[in-house]
């Protein structure tokens, strides 16, 4: 039956059974922070660029509306102003779509590069962790294999001391 002492010993040694490499943990944290910083930078740059495109498009549309609503001397000029407005808006829509497409293409490229680098970093870290764990496991297995030998040696020494003590008492 387990005693309170043996339970306390077990619990006190439990953290050693699951060692945490503080350096590896800190490196993982720093790596994630760097990834998040770059990912957030891509998102913020994208928002800024698309906001700029939208603002320019809005300004140009309002300028065209101003031209459309001006007073003209001849009635036929209103028709021409409307045609100019529609053509201008079509061109503006095309240019805006191209600008958004360029931004999205850049974002796709930057994100793919970031994810590729993160995957490579994760692979390298995992390989290093596996090698470290393998070395520790091998070392512990060797130590565990030697433990029975040490126990046998200790038992033999105890038996020898017991024999010597018994011989001393018989003499």
C-alpha atoms as a PDB file:
ATOM      1  CA  UNK A   1       0.000   0.000   0.000  1.00  0.00           C
ATOM      2  CA  UNK A   2       1.292   3.440  -0.900  1.00  0.00           C
ATOM      3  CA  UNK A   3       2.230   5.731   1.931  1.00  0.00           C
ATOM      4  CA  UNK A   4       1.817   9.471   2.003  1.00  0.00           C
ATOM      5  CA  UNK A   5       5.598   9.755   1.732  1.00  0.00           C
ATOM      6  CA  UNK A   6       5.756   7.681  -1.479  1.00  0.00           C
ATOM      7  CA  UNK A   7       2.842   9.629  -2.965  1.00  0.00           C
ATOM      8  CA  UNK A   8       4.580  12.927  -2.214  1.00  0.00           C
ATOM      9  CA  UNK A   9       7.798  11.608  -3.743  1.00  0.00           C
ATOM     10  CA  UNK A  10       5.899  10.504  -6.850  1.00  0.00           C
ATOM     11  CA  UNK A  11       4.185  13.871  -7.205  1.00  0.00           C
ATOM     12  CA  UNK A  12       7.411  15.795  -6.645  1.00  0.00           C
ATOM     13  CA  UNK A  13       9.150  13.775  -9.386  1.00  0.00           C
ATOM     14  CA  UNK A  14       6.226  14.033 -11.817  1.00  0.00           C
ATOM     15  CA  UNK A  15       7.392  17.301 -13.457  1.00  0.00           C
ATOM     16  CA  UNK A  16      10.759  15.674 -14.179  1.00  0.00           C
ATOM     17  CA  UNK A  17       8.918  13.008 -16.151  1.00  0.00           C
ATOM     18  CA  UNK A  18       7.589  15.669 -18.506  1.00  0.00           C
ATOM     19  CA  UNK A  19      10.468  18.100 -18.855  1.00  0.00           C
ATOM     20  CA  UNK A  20       9.809  21.401 -20.569  1.00  0.00           C
ATOM     21  CA  UNK A  21      12.653  22.921 -22.479  1.00  0.00           C
ATOM     22  CA  UNK A  22      12.407  26.593 -21.517  1.00  0.00           C
ATOM     23  CA  UNK A  23      14.608  27.704 -24.404  1.00  0.00           C
ATOM     24  CA  UNK A  24      12.525  25.771 -26.921  1.00  0.00           C
ATOM     25  CA  UNK A  25       9.334  27.181 -25.434  1.00  0.00           C
ATOM     26  CA  UNK A  26      10.711  30.715 -25.624  1.00  0.00           C
ATOM     27  CA  UNK A  27      11.910  30.181 -29.189  1.00  0.00           C
ATOM     28  CA  UNK A  28       8.471  28.865 -30.155  1.00  0.00           C
ATOM     29  CA  UNK A  29       6.841  31.918 -28.595  1.00  0.00           C
ATOM     30  CA  UNK A  30       9.213  34.277 -30.406  1.00  0.00           C
ATOM     31  CA  UNK A  31       8.652  32.423 -33.667  1.00  0.00           C
ATOM     32  CA  UNK A  32       4.873  32.699 -33.332  1.00  0.00           C
ATOM     33  CA  UNK A  33       5.142  36.380 -32.399  1.00  0.00           C
ATOM     34  CA  UNK A  34       7.273  37.062 -35.490  1.00  0.00           C
ATOM     35  CA  UNK A  35       4.806  35.153 -37.674  1.00  0.00           C
ATOM     36  CA  UNK A  36       1.884  37.111 -36.213  1.00  0.00           C
ATOM     37  CA  UNK A  37       3.721  40.385 -36.724  1.00  0.00           C
ATOM     38  CA  UNK A  38       4.377  39.660 -40.390  1.00  0.00           C
ATOM     39  CA  UNK A  39       0.845  38.340 -40.950  1.00  0.00           C
ATOM     40  CA  UNK A  40      -0.659  41.417 -39.278  1.00  0.00           C
ATOM     41  CA  UNK A  41       1.637  43.624 -41.354  1.00  0.00           C
ATOM     42  CA  UNK A  42       0.324  42.040 -44.549  1.00  0.00           C
ATOM     43  CA  UNK A  43      -3.273  42.561 -43.404  1.00  0.00           C
ATOM     44  CA  UNK A  44      -2.685  46.181 -42.362  1.00  0.00           C
ATOM     45  CA  UNK A  45      -0.826  47.040 -45.578  1.00  0.00           C
ATOM     46  CA  UNK A  46      -3.628  45.454 -47.590  1.00  0.00           C
ATOM     47  CA  UNK A  47      -6.283  47.401 -45.704  1.00  0.00           C
ATOM     48  CA  UNK A  48      -4.323  50.605 -46.227  1.00  0.00           C
ATOM     49  CA  UNK A  49      -3.854  50.020 -49.949  1.00  0.00           C
ATOM     50  CA  UNK A  50      -7.494  49.042 -50.550  1.00  0.00           C
ATOM     51  CA  UNK A  51      -8.641  52.036 -48.514  1.00  0.00           C
ATOM     52  CA  UNK A  52      -6.504  54.290 -50.701  1.00  0.00           C
ATOM     53  CA  UNK A  53      -7.962  52.738 -53.872  1.00  0.00           C
ATOM     54  CA  UNK A  54     -11.495  53.187 -52.543  1.00  0.00           C
ATOM     55  CA  UNK A  55     -10.847  56.802 -51.537  1.00  0.00           C
ATOM     56  CA  UNK A  56      -9.407  57.636 -54.961  1.00  0.00           C
ATOM     57  CA  UNK A  57     -12.322  55.933 -56.714  1.00  0.00           C
ATOM     58  CA  UNK A  58     -14.809  57.831 -54.561  1.00  0.00           C
ATOM     59  CA  UNK A  59     -13.108  61.154 -55.260  1.00  0.00           C
ATOM     60  CA  UNK A  60     -13.060  60.521 -58.985  1.00  0.00           C
ATOM     61  CA  UNK A  61     -16.711  59.423 -58.996  1.00  0.00           C
ATOM     62  CA  UNK A  62     -17.743  62.551 -57.103  1.00  0.00           C
ATOM     63  CA  UNK A  63     -15.755  64.696 -59.527  1.00  0.00           C
ATOM     64  CA  UNK A  64     -17.569  63.042 -62.453  1.00  0.00           C
ATOM     65  CA  UNK A  65     -20.919  63.596 -60.738  1.00  0.00           C
ATOM     66  CA  UNK A  66     -20.052  67.260 -60.329  1.00  0.00           C
ATOM     67  CA  UNK A  67     -19.399  67.463 -64.092  1.00  0.00           C
ATOM     68  CA  UNK A  68     -22.639  65.592 -64.809  1.00  0.00           C
ATOM     69  CA  UNK A  69     -24.743  67.980 -62.708  1.00  0.00           C
ATOM     70  CA  UNK A  70     -23.371  71.231 -64.178  1.00  0.00           C
ATOM     71  CA  UNK A  71     -25.753  73.486 -66.047  1.00  0.00           C
ATOM     72  CA  UNK A  72     -25.367  73.334 -69.826  1.00  0.00           C
ATOM     73  CA  UNK A  73     -26.514  75.857 -72.429  1.00  0.00           C
ATOM     74  CA  UNK A  74     -27.761  73.322 -74.943  1.00  0.00           C
ATOM     75  CA  UNK A  75     -30.016  70.338 -74.178  1.00  0.00           C
ATOM     76  CA  UNK A  76     -27.825  68.028 -76.285  1.00  0.00           C
ATOM     77  CA  UNK A  77     -24.885  68.794 -73.992  1.00  0.00           C
ATOM     78  CA  UNK A  78     -26.738  66.975 -71.162  1.00  0.00           C
ATOM     79  CA  UNK A  79     -26.793  63.800 -73.244  1.00  0.00           C
ATOM     80  CA  UNK A  80     -23.083  64.133 -73.990  1.00  0.00           C
ATOM     81  CA  UNK A  81     -22.329  64.798 -70.296  1.00  0.00           C
ATOM     82  CA  UNK A  82     -24.224  61.615 -69.386  1.00  0.00           C
ATOM     83  CA  UNK A  83     -22.353  59.575 -72.010  1.00  0.00           C
ATOM     84  CA  UNK A  84     -19.047  60.963 -70.722  1.00  0.00           C
ATOM     85  CA  UNK A  85     -20.076  60.121 -67.157  1.00  0.00           C
ATOM     86  CA  UNK A  86     -21.007  56.520 -68.014  1.00  0.00           C
ATOM     87  CA  UNK A  87     -17.816  55.966 -70.042  1.00  0.00           C
ATOM     88  CA  UNK A  88     -15.725  57.493 -67.272  1.00  0.00           C
ATOM     89  CA  UNK A  89     -17.415  55.291 -64.651  1.00  0.00           C
ATOM     90  CA  UNK A  90     -16.836  52.195 -66.771  1.00  0.00           C
ATOM     91  CA  UNK A  91     -13.142  53.058 -67.094  1.00  0.00           C
ATOM     92  CA  UNK A  92     -12.957  53.881 -63.392  1.00  0.00           C
ATOM     93  CA  UNK A  93     -14.596  50.559 -62.512  1.00  0.00           C
ATOM     94  CA  UNK A  94     -12.135  48.676 -64.711  1.00  0.00           C
ATOM     95  CA  UNK A  95      -9.141  50.540 -63.255  1.00  0.00           C
ATOM     96  CA  UNK A  96     -10.400  49.991 -59.724  1.00  0.00           C
ATOM     97  CA  UNK A  97     -10.868  46.265 -60.317  1.00  0.00           C
ATOM     98  CA  UNK A  98      -7.339  46.047 -61.751  1.00  0.00           C
ATOM     99  CA  UNK A  99      -5.917  47.891 -58.744  1.00  0.00           C
ATOM    100  CA  UNK A 100      -7.751  45.558 -56.328  1.00  0.00           C
ATOM    101  CA  UNK A 101      -6.553  42.573 -58.363  1.00  0.00           C
ATOM    102  CA  UNK A 102      -2.965  43.771 -58.101  1.00  0.00           C
ATOM    103  CA  UNK A 103      -3.312  44.203 -54.337  1.00  0.00           C
ATOM    104  CA  UNK A 104      -4.832  40.746 -53.975  1.00  0.00           C
ATOM    105  CA  UNK A 105      -2.080  39.220 -56.112  1.00  0.00           C
ATOM    106  CA  UNK A 106       0.562  40.840 -53.911  1.00  0.00           C
ATOM    107  CA  UNK A 107      -1.217  39.631 -50.771  1.00  0.00           C
ATOM    108  CA  UNK A 108      -1.446  36.094 -52.127  1.00  0.00           C
ATOM    109  CA  UNK A 109       2.269  36.113 -52.931  1.00  0.00           C
ATOM    110  CA  UNK A 110       3.296  37.543 -49.544  1.00  0.00           C
ATOM    111  CA  UNK A 111       1.026  35.133 -47.659  1.00  0.00           C
ATOM    112  CA  UNK A 112       2.287  32.127 -49.588  1.00  0.00           C
ATOM    113  CA  UNK A 113       5.878  33.161 -48.848  1.00  0.00           C
ATOM    114  CA  UNK A 114       5.089  33.680 -45.167  1.00  0.00           C
ATOM    115  CA  UNK A 115       3.343  30.318 -44.823  1.00  0.00           C
ATOM    116  CA  UNK A 116       6.152  28.585 -46.693  1.00  0.00           C
ATOM    117  CA  UNK A 117       8.734  30.085 -44.338  1.00  0.00           C
ATOM    118  CA  UNK A 118       6.615  29.171 -41.307  1.00  0.00           C
ATOM    119  CA  UNK A 119       6.296  25.602 -42.560  1.00  0.00           C
ATOM    120  CA  UNK A 120      10.040  25.354 -43.104  1.00  0.00           C
ATOM    121  CA  UNK A 121      10.723  26.764 -39.641  1.00  0.00           C
ATOM    122  CA  UNK A 122       8.241  24.339 -38.081  1.00  0.00           C
ATOM    123  CA  UNK A 123       9.852  21.442 -39.937  1.00  0.00           C
ATOM    124  CA  UNK A 124      13.343  22.410 -38.758  1.00  0.00           C
ATOM    125  CA  UNK A 125      12.129  22.870 -35.184  1.00  0.00           C
ATOM    126  CA  UNK A 126      10.312  19.539 -35.203  1.00  0.00           C
ATOM    127  CA  UNK A 127      13.387  17.759 -36.563  1.00  0.00           C
ATOM    128  CA  UNK A 128      15.565  19.299 -33.856  1.00  0.00           C
ATOM    129  CA  UNK A 129      13.045  18.388 -31.150  1.00  0.00           C
ATOM    130  CA  UNK A 130      12.797  14.807 -32.405  1.00  0.00           C
ATOM    131  CA  UNK A 131      16.598  14.463 -32.366  1.00  0.00           C
ATOM    132  CA  UNK A 132      16.796  15.907 -28.854  1.00  0.00           C
ATOM    133  CA  UNK A 133      13.985  13.650 -27.621  1.00  0.00           C
ATOM    134  CA  UNK A 134      15.643  10.632 -29.215  1.00  0.00           C
ATOM    135  CA  UNK A 135      18.939  11.403 -27.481  1.00  0.00           C
ATOM    136  CA  UNK A 136      17.203  11.865 -24.122  1.00  0.00           C
ATOM    137  CA  UNK A 137      15.185   8.689 -24.572  1.00  0.00           C
ATOM    138  CA  UNK A 138      18.279   6.704 -25.517  1.00  0.00           C
ATOM    139  CA  UNK A 139      20.171   8.088 -22.535  1.00  0.00           C
ATOM    140  CA  UNK A 140      17.323   7.284 -20.159  1.00  0.00           C
ATOM    141  CA  UNK A 141      16.909   3.819 -21.645  1.00  0.00           C
ATOM    142  CA  UNK A 142      20.606   3.135 -21.073  1.00  0.00           C
ATOM    143  CA  UNK A 143      20.297   4.399 -17.502  1.00  0.00           C
ATOM    144  CA  UNK A 144      17.226   2.247 -16.952  1.00  0.00           C
ATOM    145  CA  UNK A 145      19.063  -0.768 -18.363  1.00  0.00           C
ATOM    146  CA  UNK A 146      21.890  -0.209 -15.879  1.00  0.00           C
ATOM    147  CA  UNK A 147      19.502   0.118 -12.931  1.00  0.00           C
ATOM    148  CA  UNK A 148      18.896  -3.641 -12.543  1.00  0.00           C
ATOM    149  CA  UNK A 149      22.653  -4.250 -12.643  1.00  0.00           C
ATOM    150  CA  UNK A 150      23.146  -1.693  -9.873  1.00  0.00           C
ATOM    151  CA  UNK A 151      20.312  -3.265  -7.879  1.00  0.00           C
ATOM    152  CA  UNK A 152      21.929  -6.687  -8.222  1.00  0.00           C
ATOM    153  CA  UNK A 153      25.282  -5.262  -7.119  1.00  0.00           C
ATOM    154  CA  UNK A 154      23.643  -3.556  -4.145  1.00  0.00           C
ATOM    155  CA  UNK A 155      21.819  -6.780  -3.236  1.00  0.00           C
ATOM    156  CA  UNK A 156      25.071  -8.746  -3.476  1.00  0.00           C
ATOM    157  CA  UNK A 157      26.836  -6.226  -1.237  1.00  0.00           C
ATOM    158  CA  UNK A 158      24.001  -6.419   1.277  1.00  0.00           C
ATOM    159  CA  UNK A 159      24.104 -10.213   1.200  1.00  0.00           C
ATOM    160  CA  UNK A 160      27.881 -10.178   1.730  1.00  0.00           C
ATOM    161  CA  UNK A 161      27.545  -7.794   4.662  1.00  0.00           C
ATOM    162  CA  UNK A 162      24.806  -9.975   6.133  1.00  0.00           C
ATOM    163  CA  UNK A 163      27.030 -13.071   5.766  1.00  0.00           C
ATOM    164  CA  UNK A 164      29.972 -11.264   7.370  1.00  0.00           C
ATOM    165  CA  UNK A 165      27.749 -10.106  10.199  1.00  0.00           C
ATOM    166  CA  UNK A 166      26.354 -13.627  10.689  1.00  0.00           C
ATOM    167  CA  UNK A 167      29.887 -15.096  10.696  1.00  0.00           C
ATOM    168  CA  UNK A 168      30.974 -12.480  13.200  1.00  0.00           C
ATOM    169  CA  UNK A 169      28.094 -13.351  15.501  1.00  0.00           C
ATOM    170  CA  UNK A 170      28.783 -17.133  15.193  1.00  0.00           C
ATOM    171  CA  UNK A 171      32.453 -16.759  16.026  1.00  0.00           C
END
